[in-house]
C-alpha atoms as a PDB file:
ATOM      1  CA  MET A   1     106.092  96.338 120.132  1.00  0.00           C
ATOM      2  CA  THR A   2     106.963  94.090 116.869  1.00  0.00           C
ATOM      3  CA  GLY A   3     105.368  96.047 113.423  1.00  0.00           C
ATOM      4  CA  GLU A   4     104.890  99.336 114.436  1.00  0.00           C
ATOM      5  CA  LYS A   5     105.270 102.166 112.456  1.00  0.00           C
ATOM      6  CA  THR A   6     107.263 105.371 113.602  1.00  0.00           C
ATOM      7  CA  LEU A   7     105.519 108.798 112.464  1.00  0.00           C
ATOM      8  CA  ILE A   8     107.813 111.531 112.259  1.00  0.00           C
ATOM      9  CA  LEU A   9     106.759 115.132 114.022  1.00  0.00           C
ATOM     10  CA  TYR A  10     109.031 118.094 112.495  1.00  0.00           C
ATOM     11  CA  GLY A  11     109.096 120.769 114.458  1.00  0.00           C
ATOM     12  CA  THR A  12     111.476 123.334 116.745  1.00  0.00           C
ATOM     13  CA  GLU A  13     112.012 123.682 120.374  1.00  0.00           C
ATOM     14  CA  ALA A  14     109.806 126.354 121.715  1.00  0.00           C
ATOM     15  CA  CYS A  15     107.356 126.126 118.362  1.00  0.00           C
ATOM     16  CA  HIS A  16     103.320 126.669 119.828  1.00  0.00           C
ATOM     17  CA  LEU A  17     102.062 125.055 116.943  1.00  0.00           C
ATOM     18  CA  CYS A  18     104.666 121.895 117.413  1.00  0.00           C
ATOM     19  CA  GLU A  19     103.373 121.179 120.885  1.00  0.00           C
ATOM     20  CA  GLN A  20      99.577 121.361 119.873  1.00  0.00           C
ATOM     21  CA  ALA A  21      99.814 119.169 117.028  1.00  0.00           C
ATOM     22  CA  GLU A  22     101.726 116.892 119.175  1.00  0.00           C
ATOM     23  CA  GLU A  23      99.156 117.192 121.690  1.00  0.00           C
ATOM     24  CA  LEU A  24      97.012 115.996 118.817  1.00  0.00           C
ATOM     25  CA  LEU A  25      99.396 112.952 118.266  1.00  0.00           C
ATOM     26  CA  VAL A  26      98.892 112.088 121.595  1.00  0.00           C
ATOM     27  CA  GLY A  27      95.565 112.435 121.618  1.00  0.00           C
ATOM     28  CA  ALA A  28      94.923 110.100 118.711  1.00  0.00           C
ATOM     29  CA  ARG A  29      97.045 107.463 119.995  1.00  0.00           C
ATOM     30  CA  HIS A  30      94.699 107.200 122.868  1.00  0.00           C
ATOM     31  CA  ALA A  31      92.139 107.338 121.160  1.00  0.00           C
ATOM     32  CA  ILE A  32      92.333 105.026 118.299  1.00  0.00           C
ATOM     33  CA  GLY A  33      95.411 102.797 119.296  1.00  0.00           C
ATOM     34  CA  GLY A  34      96.795 100.660 116.549  1.00  0.00           C
ATOM     35  CA  ALA A  35     100.605  99.849 115.908  1.00  0.00           C
ATOM     36  CA  TRP A  36     101.939 103.504 115.417  1.00  0.00           C
ATOM     37  CA  THR A  37     104.196 106.148 117.184  1.00  0.00           C
ATOM     38  CA  TYR A  38     106.224 109.266 116.876  1.00  0.00           C
ATOM     39  CA  GLU A  39     109.036 110.298 117.190  1.00  0.00           C
ATOM     40  CA  LYS A  40     110.089 114.344 117.149  1.00  0.00           C
ATOM     41  CA  VAL A  41     112.830 115.589 115.210  1.00  0.00           C
ATOM     42  CA  ASP A  42     113.844 119.208 114.995  1.00  0.00           C
ATOM     43  CA  ILE A  43     114.554 120.936 112.029  1.00  0.00           C
ATOM     44  CA  SER A  44     116.985 123.348 113.580  1.00  0.00           C
ATOM     45  CA  GLU A  45     119.412 120.766 113.826  1.00  0.00           C
ATOM     46  CA  SER A  46     119.782 120.186 110.251  1.00  0.00           C
ATOM     47  CA  ASP A  47     120.254 122.351 107.202  1.00  0.00           C
ATOM     48  CA  ALA A  48     118.499 119.984 104.887  1.00  0.00           C
ATOM     49  CA  LEU A  49     115.414 119.830 107.431  1.00  0.00           C
ATOM     50  CA  PHE A  50     115.482 123.442 108.039  1.00  0.00           C
ATOM     51  CA  GLU A  51     115.994 124.510 104.267  1.00  0.00           C
ATOM     52  CA  ARG A  52     112.679 121.375 103.135  1.00  0.00           C
ATOM     53  CA  TYR A  53     110.746 122.890 106.105  1.00  0.00           C
ATOM     54  CA  GLY A  54     111.259 125.891 107.178  1.00  0.00           C
ATOM     55  CA  TRP A  55     108.392 127.790 108.251  1.00  0.00           C
ATOM     56  CA  LEU A  56     105.764 124.717 107.253  1.00  0.00           C
ATOM     57  CA  ILE A  57     106.569 123.068 110.898  1.00  0.00           C
ATOM     58  CA  PRO A  58     104.640 121.014 111.897  1.00  0.00           C
ATOM     59  CA  VAL A  59     104.925 118.332 109.417  1.00  0.00           C
ATOM     60  CA  LEU A  60     103.835 114.960 110.429  1.00  0.00           C
ATOM     61  CA  ALA A  61     105.434 112.363 108.008  1.00  0.00           C
ATOM     62  CA  SER A  62     104.659 108.591 107.203  1.00  0.00           C
ATOM     63  CA  PRO A  63     107.390 105.959 107.034  1.00  0.00           C
ATOM     64  CA  GLU A  64     106.782 105.999 103.678  1.00  0.00           C
ATOM     65  CA  GLY A  65     107.016 109.911 103.314  1.00  0.00           C
ATOM     66  CA  GLU A  66     103.512 110.969 103.001  1.00  0.00           C
ATOM     67  CA  GLU A  67     103.134 114.256 105.089  1.00  0.00           C
ATOM     68  CA  LEU A  68     100.320 116.160 107.168  1.00  0.00           C
ATOM     69  CA  ARG A  69     100.919 119.957 107.086  1.00  0.00           C
ATOM     70  CA  TRP A  70      99.826 122.459 109.658  1.00  0.00           C
ATOM     71  CA  PRO A  71      97.054 123.289 110.069  1.00  0.00           C
ATOM     72  CA  PHE A  72      95.264 119.919 110.730  1.00  0.00           C
ATOM     73  CA  ASP A  73      92.600 118.705 113.213  1.00  0.00           C
ATOM     74  CA  PRO A  74      91.732 115.660 114.701  1.00  0.00           C
ATOM     75  CA  PRO A  75      89.853 114.616 111.880  1.00  0.00           C
ATOM     76  CA  ALA A  76      92.575 115.658 109.284  1.00  0.00           C
ATOM     77  CA  LEU A  77      95.151 113.564 111.391  1.00  0.00           C
ATOM     78  CA  ALA A  78      92.506 110.393 111.698  1.00  0.00           C
ATOM     79  CA  GLU A  79      92.249 110.676 107.869  1.00  0.00           C
ATOM     80  CA  PHE A  80      96.371 111.014 107.345  1.00  0.00           C
ATOM     81  CA  LEU A  81      96.928 107.495 110.007  1.00  0.00           C
ATOM     82  CA  ILE A  82      93.789 105.754 107.824  1.00  0.00           C
ATOM     83  CA  ASN A  83      95.482 106.781 104.481  1.00  0.00           C
ATOM     84  CA  CYS A  84      98.908 105.276 106.421  1.00  0.00           C
ATOM     85  CA  GLN A  85      97.161 102.775 107.088  1.00  0.00           C
ATOM     86  CA  LEU A  86      98.373 102.713 110.884  1.00  0.00           C
END
C-alpha cells in the first residue's frame, strides 16, 4: 500500500511480552485500520540494538523515532498511534 508507514517492534524470539505486544498490534490493526503496518526486529541479531534495548523489550518505534516501551495496553497503543498520525 502506497504511503503506508511501518512501525518497528523490537523484541526477541521466545519473549512472551513481545508476543503480547504483537497481539495488541494485530488487534489495533483490525480495530482501527489506517495506513500502517509493522515489522519485527530481533535485537539479539545486533549488538547495538541489544545494548540499546536489552531488558526494555518489547519496544514499538515509529518511523520518526518515537518509542512506546512495555508495558502498554490498548489505550496507550491507540494514543501512540494517534500521536504518530497513523
